[in-house]
Amino acid sequence: MLTEAQSAALDHVRRRGSARTPLGSAAVITINFHPDRSVGGRTVLQGLAADGRFRSQFETGISNGGLTAYPGGDRDRWEERMFGGAYQRPGVRAGDRPKYGALNLLHHDDGAAPRFGSAHLRLRPHVNAWATFTFGDSAREPTEAGTADAFDAVLAALHAHHGADALHRPRLAGPGRALDDYVEAQIHGPVRLADDAEALVLDSSFKGSGCGTAEASALLAQRYGLTVEWRTGFRLAPADIPDVFRGPEVPVLARELCARLGVDAVDPALIGVAARAPQEWAGHGTPAEVLQLLKYLWHCLVQYG
């Protein structure tokens, strides 16, 4: 059951699109996130296990992108333009706001938008019915938008960028390397793990990492019936991180991380260790500055790992 605001947002985007070409079930939505980040004394994955649903940034106050989900913030303003002011109406709650994922058109095993995290939830096809889609990140306010039953504008942009077979390519075995190239999905309704998610996919570096990821994933499987899948993870030696991609300070931090923790390569679990205690890396700036550098290091890992 969608709220009045959620239904209005869907209708607004549907009217902008065309009903000639439906999306069908060729691709499903994935939601990428970092499973081991600490929020309120528990990891994101532990929070999912406790709550049983994926929440919007307006509820959690955290993000692996920009932190602008508040009234008058950038995310609030672009949602107002995208969805015709549906979420700015009186009585709209934080929990009504859309949750953000991406459409896994090319079936990448690291999810459709790995820039937002090493883990992802793979949602069930029926969630597509209460999602809207844009070609590109909504922060850039793309003009190509649609719904699952009015997908023409997004499909045309895909054809222009990827070729006419974009929806019909075989499953790919390797990482997506999709830092900026994805169809964003805005989910206008609840994401309930028991009903709306079919799998949790995790990076293998978290096996035995000591942060509780394996234990929390087992609880998610037991409690909500999710399939837990482990994928071969990203790894990257500090020497292979270019200075120019995210700045010269990033490979410096990578070398220090590896040296102090006694490993030869960066992986998601290693970045997570530093992200949970940014004050221990004060030689690279304030905790907020260290977290920004770690986000850049993750981008390097996705791009070059």
Protein backbone atom coordinates (compact mmCIF):
# COMPACT_ATOMS: atom_id res chain seq x y z
CA MET A 1 0.00 0.00 0.00
CA LEU A 2 1.54 3.29 -1.09
CA THR A 3 0.89 6.56 0.67
CA GLU A 4 -0.83 9.42 -1.11
CA ALA A 5 2.52 11.17 -1.58
CA GLN A 6 4.18 8.04 -2.99
CA SER A 7 1.35 7.46 -5.47
CA ALA A 8 1.48 11.11 -6.54
CA ALA A 9 5.24 10.89 -7.14
CA LEU A 10 4.82 7.78 -9.32
CA ASP A 11 2.00 9.38 -11.30
CA HIS A 12 4.02 12.55 -11.86
CA VAL A 13 6.92 10.62 -13.42
CA ARG A 14 4.60 8.29 -15.35
CA ARG A 15 2.95 11.27 -17.03
CA ARG A 16 6.38 12.49 -18.16
CA GLY A 17 7.18 9.16 -19.80
CA SER A 18 5.53 7.01 -22.40
CA ALA A 19 3.59 3.78 -21.93
CA ARG A 20 4.66 2.23 -25.25
CA THR A 21 7.55 0.20 -23.81
CA PRO A 22 7.30 -1.50 -20.40
CA LEU A 23 10.42 -2.57 -18.54
CA GLY A 24 9.24 -6.10 -17.80
CA SER A 25 11.42 -8.32 -15.60
CA ALA A 26 14.66 -8.22 -17.59
CA ALA A 27 16.45 -6.52 -14.69
CA VAL A 28 15.90 -6.10 -10.98
CA ILE A 29 16.80 -3.30 -8.58
CA THR A 30 19.83 -3.62 -6.34
CA ILE A 31 20.63 -1.42 -3.35
CA ASN A 32 24.37 -1.11 -2.69
CA PHE A 33 25.64 -0.22 0.77
CA HIS A 34 28.59 -0.71 3.11
CA PRO A 35 27.47 -3.46 5.52
CA ASP A 36 30.01 -2.80 8.26
CA ARG A 37 29.63 0.95 8.82
CA SER A 38 28.76 1.82 12.41
CA VAL A 39 25.52 3.71 13.09
CA GLY A 40 24.24 4.23 16.62
CA GLY A 41 26.41 1.50 18.08
CA ARG A 42 25.58 -1.17 15.52
CA THR A 43 26.58 -1.88 11.96
CA VAL A 44 24.29 -1.22 9.02
CA LEU A 45 23.81 -4.95 8.57
CA GLN A 46 22.92 -5.41 12.24
CA GLY A 47 20.43 -2.57 11.88
CA LEU A 48 18.84 -4.30 8.89
CA ALA A 49 18.57 -7.51 10.88
CA ALA A 50 16.87 -5.67 13.75
CA ASP A 51 14.50 -3.52 11.66
CA GLY A 52 13.63 -5.83 8.80
CA ARG A 53 13.49 -3.04 6.26
CA PHE A 54 15.75 -0.71 4.33
CA ARG A 55 15.26 2.93 5.32
CA SER A 56 15.77 6.20 3.43
CA GLN A 57 18.47 8.72 4.20
CA PHE A 58 15.73 11.00 5.56
CA GLU A 59 15.22 8.39 8.30
CA THR A 60 18.80 7.29 8.96
CA GLY A 61 20.76 10.50 8.39
CA ILE A 62 23.58 8.49 6.78
CA SER A 63 24.62 8.02 3.18
CA ASN A 64 27.49 6.83 1.00
CA GLY A 65 26.83 9.86 -1.21
CA GLY A 66 25.96 13.39 -0.13
CA LEU A 67 24.37 14.19 3.24
CA THR A 68 21.63 16.59 2.13
CA ALA A 69 18.44 14.74 3.11
CA TYR A 70 16.71 17.39 5.22
CA PRO A 71 14.07 20.05 4.48
CA GLY A 72 15.67 22.60 2.16
CA GLY A 73 18.70 20.41 1.47
CA ASP A 74 19.86 19.52 -2.02
CA ARG A 75 18.19 16.11 -1.99
CA ASP A 76 14.92 17.66 -0.78
CA ARG A 77 15.02 20.26 -3.56
CA TRP A 78 15.76 17.84 -6.39
CA GLU A 79 13.09 15.43 -5.11
CA GLU A 80 10.66 18.34 -5.20
CA ARG A 81 11.47 18.96 -8.85
CA MET A 82 11.57 15.27 -9.84
CA PHE A 83 8.31 14.29 -8.17
CA GLY A 84 6.19 17.41 -8.55
CA GLY A 85 6.36 18.42 -4.89
CA ALA A 86 4.67 15.18 -3.74
CA TYR A 87 7.00 14.81 -0.75
CA GLN A 88 6.76 18.45 0.30
CA ARG A 89 3.06 18.18 1.12
CA PRO A 90 1.87 18.57 4.71
CA GLY A 91 1.92 15.35 6.69
CA VAL A 92 4.59 13.56 4.67
CA ARG A 93 6.84 11.55 6.99
CA ALA A 94 10.54 10.77 6.63
CA GLY A 95 9.63 7.12 6.14
CA ASP A 96 7.53 8.00 3.10
CA ARG A 97 10.54 9.26 1.15
CA PRO A 98 11.98 7.16 -1.67
CA LYS A 99 14.80 4.72 -1.13
CA TYR A 100 17.57 4.77 -3.75
CA GLY A 101 19.01 1.86 -5.68
CA ALA A 102 19.84 1.11 -9.30
CA LEU A 103 18.57 -1.14 -12.07
CA ASN A 104 20.98 -4.02 -12.65
CA LEU A 105 20.58 -4.11 -16.42
CA LEU A 106 23.87 -5.89 -17.12
CA HIS A 107 23.55 -8.34 -14.20
CA HIS A 108 26.82 -7.35 -12.53
CA ASP A 109 27.61 -9.50 -9.53
CA ASP A 110 28.66 -6.45 -7.50
CA GLY A 111 25.28 -4.77 -8.00
CA ALA A 112 24.23 -1.98 -10.30
CA ALA A 113 25.89 0.90 -8.40
CA PRO A 114 28.93 -0.36 -6.46
CA ARG A 115 30.14 3.19 -5.81
CA PHE A 116 27.67 3.19 -2.89
CA GLY A 117 28.97 0.06 -1.20
CA SER A 118 30.49 -3.39 -1.44
CA ALA A 119 27.30 -5.23 -0.45
CA HIS A 120 23.90 -5.13 -2.06
CA LEU A 121 20.35 -6.29 -1.61
CA ARG A 122 18.87 -7.85 -4.72
CA LEU A 123 15.19 -6.96 -4.74
CA ARG A 124 12.36 -9.02 -6.13
CA PRO A 125 10.98 -8.05 -9.57
CA HIS A 126 7.65 -6.84 -8.17
CA VAL A 127 9.40 -3.85 -6.54
CA ASN A 128 9.89 -2.39 -10.03
CA ALA A 129 6.15 -1.58 -10.05
CA TRP A 130 6.52 1.11 -7.36
CA ALA A 131 9.82 2.54 -8.55
CA THR A 132 10.74 5.40 -10.85
CA PHE A 133 13.91 5.40 -12.92
CA THR A 134 16.34 7.99 -14.24
CA PHE A 135 19.24 7.57 -16.61
CA GLY A 136 22.01 8.75 -14.31
CA ASP A 137 22.13 9.87 -10.71
CA SER A 138 19.25 12.08 -9.60
CA ALA A 139 21.74 14.48 -8.02
CA ARG A 140 22.50 15.57 -11.58
CA GLU A 141 18.79 16.10 -12.23
CA PRO A 142 18.59 13.99 -15.40
CA THR A 143 15.75 14.64 -17.81
CA GLU A 144 15.27 11.01 -18.88
CA ALA A 145 12.84 9.46 -16.38
CA GLY A 146 10.15 6.81 -16.40
CA THR A 147 8.37 4.01 -14.59
CA ALA A 148 8.28 0.27 -15.20
CA ASP A 149 5.18 0.69 -17.37
CA ALA A 150 6.43 3.86 -19.10
CA PHE A 151 10.11 3.23 -19.70
CA ASP A 152 10.58 4.77 -23.14
CA ALA A 153 12.62 7.84 -22.17
CA VAL A 154 15.07 5.82 -20.08
CA LEU A 155 15.29 3.13 -22.75
CA ALA A 156 16.08 5.72 -25.42
CA ALA A 157 18.90 7.13 -23.27
CA LEU A 158 20.23 3.59 -22.71
CA HIS A 159 20.19 2.87 -26.43
CA ALA A 160 22.04 6.10 -27.14
CA HIS A 161 24.69 5.33 -24.52
CA HIS A 162 25.03 1.51 -24.58
CA GLY A 163 23.50 0.36 -27.85
CA ALA A 164 20.16 -1.21 -28.67
CA ASP A 165 20.96 -4.54 -26.95
CA ALA A 166 21.43 -2.99 -23.50
CA LEU A 167 18.61 -5.04 -21.93
CA HIS A 168 19.50 -8.34 -23.57
CA ARG A 169 23.18 -8.92 -22.91
CA PRO A 170 24.35 -12.14 -21.20
CA ARG A 171 25.11 -12.19 -17.50
CA LEU A 172 28.58 -10.83 -16.77
CA ALA A 173 30.93 -12.60 -14.36
CA GLY A 174 33.19 -9.69 -13.49
CA PRO A 175 32.79 -6.50 -11.47
CA GLY A 176 30.71 -3.69 -12.87
CA ARG A 177 33.14 -0.79 -12.58
CA ALA A 178 29.99 1.36 -12.68
CA LEU A 179 30.98 4.41 -10.67
CA ASP A 180 28.75 6.81 -12.58
CA ASP A 181 27.08 4.79 -15.32
CA TYR A 182 23.80 3.34 -14.07
CA VAL A 183 20.05 3.69 -14.18
CA GLU A 184 19.06 4.98 -10.78
CA ALA A 185 15.91 3.59 -9.16
CA GLN A 186 13.83 5.58 -6.69
CA ILE A 187 11.64 3.17 -4.71
CA HIS A 188 8.37 4.80 -3.62
CA GLY A 189 7.25 2.43 -0.94
CA PRO A 190 8.62 0.15 1.75
CA VAL A 191 11.57 -2.18 1.20
CA ARG A 192 10.68 -5.05 3.53
CA LEU A 193 13.37 -7.71 3.63
CA ALA A 194 10.96 -10.61 4.11
CA ASP A 195 8.73 -9.62 1.18
CA ASP A 196 10.74 -7.46 -1.19
CA ALA A 197 14.35 -8.75 -1.12
CA GLU A 198 15.52 -12.11 -2.38
CA ALA A 199 19.26 -12.02 -1.67
CA LEU A 200 22.02 -10.29 0.24
CA VAL A 201 25.32 -10.28 -1.67
CA LEU A 202 28.52 -9.70 0.33
CA ASP A 203 32.18 -9.17 -0.48
CA SER A 204 34.30 -12.17 0.53
CA SER A 205 36.74 -9.95 2.46
CA PHE A 206 34.18 -9.84 5.31
CA LYS A 207 34.42 -13.56 5.97
CA GLY A 208 36.14 -13.76 9.34
CA SER A 209 36.78 -10.00 9.42
CA GLY A 210 35.71 -9.68 13.06
CA CYS A 211 33.11 -6.95 12.43
CA GLY A 212 30.10 -9.24 12.77
CA THR A 213 29.10 -9.20 9.09
CA ALA A 214 29.00 -12.98 8.72
CA GLU A 215 26.96 -13.37 11.91
CA ALA A 216 24.51 -10.60 10.97
CA SER A 217 24.04 -12.03 7.48
CA ALA A 218 23.24 -15.46 8.94
CA LEU A 219 20.63 -13.82 11.17
CA LEU A 220 19.12 -12.02 8.16
CA ALA A 221 18.86 -15.32 6.32
CA GLN A 222 17.21 -17.03 9.26
CA ARG A 223 14.86 -14.19 10.19
CA TYR A 224 13.76 -12.95 6.75
CA GLY A 225 14.46 -15.84 4.40
CA LEU A 226 17.14 -14.05 2.40
CA THR A 227 19.66 -15.99 0.38
CA VAL A 228 23.19 -14.93 1.36
CA GLU A 229 25.72 -14.94 -1.48
CA TRP A 230 29.45 -14.26 -1.22
CA ARG A 231 31.20 -12.79 -4.25
CA THR A 232 34.89 -12.62 -5.08
CA GLY A 233 35.89 -9.23 -3.77
CA PHE A 234 37.75 -6.18 -4.93
CA ARG A 235 41.45 -5.96 -4.04
CA LEU A 236 43.97 -3.29 -4.97
CA ALA A 237 47.61 -2.74 -4.09
CA PRO A 238 48.43 0.83 -3.01
CA ALA A 239 51.00 1.07 -5.80
CA ASP A 240 48.20 0.63 -8.35
CA ILE A 241 46.18 3.64 -7.15
CA PRO A 242 46.80 6.64 -9.46
CA ASP A 243 47.38 10.03 -7.89
CA VAL A 244 45.13 11.82 -10.35
CA PHE A 245 41.88 9.84 -9.94
CA ARG A 246 40.82 10.97 -6.46
CA GLY A 247 43.85 12.99 -5.41
CA PRO A 248 47.40 12.24 -4.22
CA GLU A 249 46.42 11.82 -0.57
CA VAL A 250 44.41 8.66 -1.31
CA PRO A 251 47.33 6.35 -2.20
CA VAL A 252 49.25 7.75 0.78
CA LEU A 253 46.42 6.73 3.10
CA ALA A 254 46.19 3.33 1.38
CA ARG A 255 49.89 2.67 2.01
CA GLU A 256 49.53 3.58 5.67
CA LEU A 257 46.44 1.40 6.09
CA CYS A 258 48.23 -1.60 4.63
CA ALA A 259 51.44 -1.00 6.58
CA ARG A 260 49.78 -0.53 9.97
CA LEU A 261 47.39 -3.46 9.53
CA GLY A 262 49.99 -5.79 8.03
CA VAL A 263 48.43 -6.52 4.65
CA ASP A 264 49.57 -5.99 1.06
CA ALA A 265 46.32 -4.85 -0.57
CA VAL A 266 43.24 -2.75 0.11
CA ASP A 267 39.86 -4.49 0.26
CA PRO A 268 36.41 -3.46 1.56
CA ALA A 269 36.97 -4.93 5.03
CA LEU A 270 40.22 -2.99 5.43
CA ILE A 271 38.51 0.30 4.50
CA GLY A 272 35.77 -0.56 6.98
CA VAL A 273 38.28 -0.94 9.82
CA ALA A 274 39.46 2.64 9.26
CA ALA A 275 35.93 3.99 8.69
CA ARG A 276 34.75 2.69 12.07
CA ALA A 277 37.59 4.53 13.86
CA PRO A 278 38.55 7.56 11.72
CA GLN A 279 40.10 9.33 14.71
CA GLU A 280 42.95 6.79 14.64
CA TRP A 281 44.10 8.20 11.29
CA ALA A 282 44.38 11.82 12.45
CA GLY A 283 47.53 12.37 10.40
CA HIS A 284 45.21 12.61 7.39
CA GLY A 285 42.82 15.18 8.86
CA THR A 286 39.72 15.41 10.99
CA PRO A 287 37.43 12.35 11.25
CA ALA A 288 35.17 13.88 8.59
CA GLU A 289 38.15 14.44 6.27
CA VAL A 290 39.39 10.89 6.85
CA LEU A 291 35.96 9.48 6.02
CA GLN A 292 35.93 11.50 2.79
CA LEU A 293 39.34 10.09 1.85
CA LEU A 294 38.10 6.58 2.63
CA LYS A 295 35.13 7.16 0.34
CA TYR A 296 37.58 8.20 -2.39
CA LEU A 297 39.67 5.10 -1.65
CA TRP A 298 36.58 2.95 -2.14
CA HIS A 299 35.99 4.64 -5.51
CA CYS A 300 39.55 3.74 -6.50
CA LEU A 301 38.98 0.15 -5.40
CA VAL A 302 35.85 -0.13 -7.56
CA GLN A 303 37.46 1.55 -10.54
CA TYR A 304 40.83 -0.24 -10.51
CA GLY A 305 40.54 -3.22 -8.16
